[in-house]
Amino acid sequence: MQQVCCGASHCIAVASTGDVYSWGYGGMGATGHGRDGMAKSSLGEEGSPCQKSGPRLVSCISGVVRIVQASAGLAHTLLLSGI
């Protein structure tokens, strides 16, 4: 991982490949996994609503854009893409 940042209740990790992984509370969409909190994490665990217990690939941008930096806040995530 080239960067890890945390907001109030979620974390974001940016891989050297430009992929983004997130975990934690995503009820406001801050983790990038939509509002379906019952999806499994990459570790195969069921989460409680909107709660991700382990890093999970943000698949909606994987292979579409290359992320170079991230920032996380109270209920948001900012991703910076590279050219």
N, C-alpha and C. Protein backbone atom coordinates (compact mmCIF):
# COMPACT_ATOMS: atom_id res chain seq x y z
N MET A 1 0.84 -1.18 0.00
CA MET A 1 0.00 0.00 0.00
C MET A 1 0.88 1.24 0.00
N GLN A 2 0.48 2.21 -0.77
CA GLN A 2 1.28 3.44 -0.81
C GLN A 2 0.73 4.51 0.12
N GLN A 3 -0.56 4.38 0.51
CA GLN A 3 -1.13 5.36 1.43
C GLN A 3 -2.31 4.74 2.17
N VAL A 4 -2.43 5.08 3.44
CA VAL A 4 -3.60 4.72 4.24
C VAL A 4 -4.04 5.97 4.97
N CYS A 5 -5.34 6.27 4.93
CA CYS A 5 -5.86 7.41 5.68
C CYS A 5 -7.18 7.00 6.33
N CYS A 6 -7.51 7.68 7.40
CA CYS A 6 -8.72 7.34 8.14
C CYS A 6 -9.55 8.58 8.42
N GLY A 7 -10.86 8.39 8.30
CA GLY A 7 -11.81 9.42 8.69
C GLY A 7 -12.27 9.12 10.10
N ALA A 8 -13.41 9.63 10.48
CA ALA A 8 -13.93 9.41 11.83
C ALA A 8 -14.26 7.95 12.08
N SER A 9 -14.79 7.24 11.07
CA SER A 9 -15.18 5.85 11.29
C SER A 9 -15.00 4.97 10.05
N HIS A 10 -14.12 5.39 9.15
CA HIS A 10 -13.78 4.55 8.00
C HIS A 10 -12.34 4.81 7.58
N CYS A 11 -11.76 3.84 6.88
CA CYS A 11 -10.38 3.95 6.41
C CYS A 11 -10.30 3.66 4.92
N ILE A 12 -9.30 4.25 4.29
CA ILE A 12 -9.06 4.12 2.86
C ILE A 12 -7.59 3.76 2.67
N ALA A 13 -7.33 2.80 1.79
CA ALA A 13 -5.96 2.44 1.44
C ALA A 13 -5.81 2.51 -0.07
N VAL A 14 -4.73 3.14 -0.51
CA VAL A 14 -4.43 3.25 -1.94
C VAL A 14 -3.24 2.34 -2.23
N ALA A 15 -3.44 1.40 -3.14
CA ALA A 15 -2.38 0.48 -3.53
C ALA A 15 -1.48 1.13 -4.58
N SER A 16 -0.28 0.62 -4.74
CA SER A 16 0.65 1.16 -5.75
C SER A 16 0.11 0.96 -7.16
N THR A 17 -0.84 0.05 -7.33
CA THR A 17 -1.47 -0.17 -8.64
C THR A 17 -2.53 0.87 -8.96
N GLY A 18 -2.91 1.69 -7.98
CA GLY A 18 -3.96 2.69 -8.16
C GLY A 18 -5.32 2.21 -7.71
N ASP A 19 -5.39 0.93 -7.28
CA ASP A 19 -6.65 0.42 -6.72
C ASP A 19 -6.87 1.00 -5.33
N VAL A 20 -8.13 1.08 -4.93
CA VAL A 20 -8.49 1.63 -3.62
C VAL A 20 -9.25 0.57 -2.83
N TYR A 21 -8.91 0.44 -1.56
CA TYR A 21 -9.58 -0.47 -0.65
C TYR A 21 -10.14 0.37 0.49
N SER A 22 -11.30 -0.02 1.01
CA SER A 22 -11.88 0.74 2.12
C SER A 22 -12.56 -0.21 3.09
N TRP A 23 -12.72 0.29 4.32
CA TRP A 23 -13.42 -0.47 5.35
C TRP A 23 -13.89 0.48 6.42
N GLY A 24 -14.83 0.01 7.22
CA GLY A 24 -15.41 0.82 8.29
C GLY A 24 -16.86 1.17 7.98
N TYR A 25 -17.36 2.20 8.62
CA TYR A 25 -18.74 2.62 8.46
C TYR A 25 -18.91 3.34 7.13
N GLY A 26 -19.86 2.88 6.32
CA GLY A 26 -20.07 3.49 5.01
C GLY A 26 -21.51 3.92 4.79
N GLY A 27 -22.22 4.23 5.86
CA GLY A 27 -23.63 4.58 5.76
C GLY A 27 -23.91 5.81 4.92
N MET A 28 -22.96 6.71 4.79
CA MET A 28 -23.13 7.91 3.95
C MET A 28 -22.47 7.71 2.59
N GLY A 29 -22.05 6.48 2.29
CA GLY A 29 -21.38 6.20 1.02
C GLY A 29 -19.89 6.49 1.03
N ALA A 30 -19.33 6.80 2.19
CA ALA A 30 -17.92 7.20 2.27
C ALA A 30 -16.95 6.10 1.89
N THR A 31 -17.36 4.83 1.96
CA THR A 31 -16.44 3.75 1.62
C THR A 31 -16.49 3.38 0.15
N GLY A 32 -17.45 3.92 -0.60
CA GLY A 32 -17.52 3.66 -2.03
C GLY A 32 -18.18 2.35 -2.42
N HIS A 33 -18.86 1.72 -1.48
CA HIS A 33 -19.52 0.44 -1.75
C HIS A 33 -21.03 0.59 -1.82
N GLY A 34 -21.52 1.78 -2.02
CA GLY A 34 -22.96 1.99 -2.05
C GLY A 34 -23.54 1.88 -0.65
N ARG A 35 -24.81 1.68 -0.58
CA ARG A 35 -25.46 1.62 0.73
C ARG A 35 -25.84 0.21 1.13
N ASP A 36 -25.40 -0.78 0.35
CA ASP A 36 -25.68 -2.17 0.67
C ASP A 36 -24.66 -2.66 1.68
N GLY A 37 -24.95 -2.53 2.93
CA GLY A 37 -24.01 -2.89 3.98
C GLY A 37 -23.90 -4.37 4.25
N MET A 38 -24.67 -5.21 3.57
CA MET A 38 -24.60 -6.63 3.85
C MET A 38 -23.65 -7.37 2.90
N ALA A 39 -22.98 -6.65 2.02
CA ALA A 39 -22.02 -7.30 1.13
C ALA A 39 -20.84 -7.82 1.94
N LYS A 40 -20.24 -8.89 1.48
CA LYS A 40 -19.11 -9.48 2.20
C LYS A 40 -17.85 -8.67 1.98
N SER A 41 -16.99 -8.65 2.98
CA SER A 41 -15.68 -8.01 2.85
C SER A 41 -14.78 -8.94 2.05
N SER A 42 -13.59 -8.47 1.71
CA SER A 42 -12.65 -9.31 0.98
C SER A 42 -12.19 -10.50 1.81
N LEU A 43 -12.43 -10.45 3.11
CA LEU A 43 -12.07 -11.55 3.98
C LEU A 43 -13.18 -12.58 4.08
N GLY A 44 -14.31 -12.34 3.38
CA GLY A 44 -15.41 -13.29 3.38
C GLY A 44 -16.32 -13.19 4.58
N GLU A 45 -16.24 -12.11 5.32
CA GLU A 45 -17.07 -11.95 6.52
C GLU A 45 -18.31 -11.14 6.19
N GLU A 46 -19.41 -11.50 6.81
CA GLU A 46 -20.63 -10.70 6.67
C GLU A 46 -20.52 -9.51 7.61
N GLY A 47 -20.84 -8.32 7.13
CA GLY A 47 -20.81 -7.14 7.98
C GLY A 47 -22.21 -6.78 8.43
N SER A 48 -22.30 -6.06 9.51
CA SER A 48 -23.60 -5.52 9.92
C SER A 48 -23.94 -4.40 8.94
N PRO A 49 -25.15 -3.91 8.92
CA PRO A 49 -25.50 -2.88 7.93
C PRO A 49 -24.50 -1.73 7.89
N CYS A 50 -23.96 -1.52 6.70
CA CYS A 50 -23.04 -0.41 6.43
C CYS A 50 -21.71 -0.51 7.15
N GLN A 51 -21.39 -1.64 7.74
CA GLN A 51 -20.14 -1.79 8.48
C GLN A 51 -19.27 -2.82 7.79
N LYS A 52 -18.09 -2.44 7.36
CA LYS A 52 -17.15 -3.35 6.72
C LYS A 52 -16.00 -3.58 7.68
N SER A 53 -15.76 -4.85 8.04
CA SER A 53 -14.75 -5.14 9.05
C SER A 53 -13.35 -5.31 8.48
N GLY A 54 -13.22 -5.45 7.19
CA GLY A 54 -11.90 -5.61 6.61
C GLY A 54 -11.80 -4.90 5.28
N PRO A 55 -10.58 -4.69 4.78
CA PRO A 55 -10.39 -3.99 3.51
C PRO A 55 -11.16 -4.67 2.38
N ARG A 56 -11.80 -3.86 1.55
CA ARG A 56 -12.58 -4.35 0.42
C ARG A 56 -12.31 -3.46 -0.78
N LEU A 57 -12.04 -4.06 -1.92
CA LEU A 57 -11.76 -3.31 -3.14
C LEU A 57 -12.95 -2.46 -3.53
N VAL A 58 -12.70 -1.20 -3.85
CA VAL A 58 -13.75 -0.32 -4.37
C VAL A 58 -13.84 -0.62 -5.87
N SER A 59 -14.69 -1.57 -6.20
CA SER A 59 -14.72 -2.13 -7.55
C SER A 59 -15.27 -1.18 -8.61
N CYS A 60 -16.07 -0.20 -8.22
CA CYS A 60 -16.67 0.71 -9.21
C CYS A 60 -15.63 1.59 -9.92
N ILE A 61 -14.43 1.73 -9.35
CA ILE A 61 -13.39 2.53 -10.01
C ILE A 61 -12.17 1.70 -10.38
N SER A 62 -12.12 0.45 -9.93
CA SER A 62 -10.98 -0.41 -10.21
C SER A 62 -10.83 -0.65 -11.71
N GLY A 63 -9.65 -0.36 -12.24
CA GLY A 63 -9.39 -0.52 -13.66
C GLY A 63 -9.92 0.60 -14.53
N VAL A 64 -10.66 1.54 -13.93
CA VAL A 64 -11.22 2.67 -14.68
C VAL A 64 -10.33 3.90 -14.54
N VAL A 65 -9.94 4.19 -13.31
CA VAL A 65 -9.03 5.30 -13.03
C VAL A 65 -7.92 4.81 -12.11
N ARG A 66 -6.78 5.47 -12.17
CA ARG A 66 -5.67 5.13 -11.28
C ARG A 66 -5.61 6.20 -10.20
N ILE A 67 -5.86 5.79 -8.97
CA ILE A 67 -5.86 6.72 -7.84
C ILE A 67 -4.44 6.84 -7.30
N VAL A 68 -4.01 8.09 -7.04
CA VAL A 68 -2.66 8.32 -6.53
C VAL A 68 -2.64 8.85 -5.10
N GLN A 69 -3.78 9.37 -4.63
CA GLN A 69 -3.82 9.92 -3.27
C GLN A 69 -5.25 9.93 -2.77
N ALA A 70 -5.41 9.80 -1.45
CA ALA A 70 -6.74 9.81 -0.85
C ALA A 70 -6.73 10.66 0.42
N SER A 71 -7.91 11.14 0.78
CA SER A 71 -8.13 11.86 2.02
C SER A 71 -9.49 11.44 2.55
N ALA A 72 -9.60 11.32 3.85
CA ALA A 72 -10.87 10.91 4.46
C ALA A 72 -11.23 11.87 5.58
N GLY A 73 -12.53 12.11 5.74
CA GLY A 73 -13.01 13.01 6.78
C GLY A 73 -14.14 12.39 7.57
N LEU A 74 -14.95 13.23 8.16
CA LEU A 74 -16.03 12.76 9.02
C LEU A 74 -16.97 11.80 8.30
N ALA A 75 -17.45 12.16 7.14
CA ALA A 75 -18.38 11.30 6.39
C ALA A 75 -18.12 11.39 4.89
N HIS A 76 -16.85 11.54 4.52
CA HIS A 76 -16.53 11.65 3.10
C HIS A 76 -15.16 11.07 2.80
N THR A 77 -14.92 10.81 1.54
CA THR A 77 -13.63 10.38 1.04
C THR A 77 -13.33 11.17 -0.23
N LEU A 78 -12.11 11.62 -0.37
CA LEU A 78 -11.67 12.32 -1.57
C LEU A 78 -10.57 11.49 -2.20
N LEU A 79 -10.71 11.19 -3.50
CA LEU A 79 -9.71 10.44 -4.23
C LEU A 79 -9.16 11.28 -5.35
N LEU A 80 -7.84 11.30 -5.49
CA LEU A 80 -7.17 12.05 -6.54
C LEU A 80 -6.62 11.07 -7.56
N SER A 81 -7.04 11.24 -8.81
CA SER A 81 -6.57 10.32 -9.85
C SER A 81 -5.34 10.90 -10.55
N GLY A 82 -4.51 10.00 -11.07
CA GLY A 82 -3.31 10.41 -11.80
C GLY A 82 -3.56 10.35 -13.30
N ILE A 83 -2.71 10.99 -14.02
CA ILE A 83 -2.87 11.00 -15.47
C ILE A 83 -2.09 9.84 -16.06
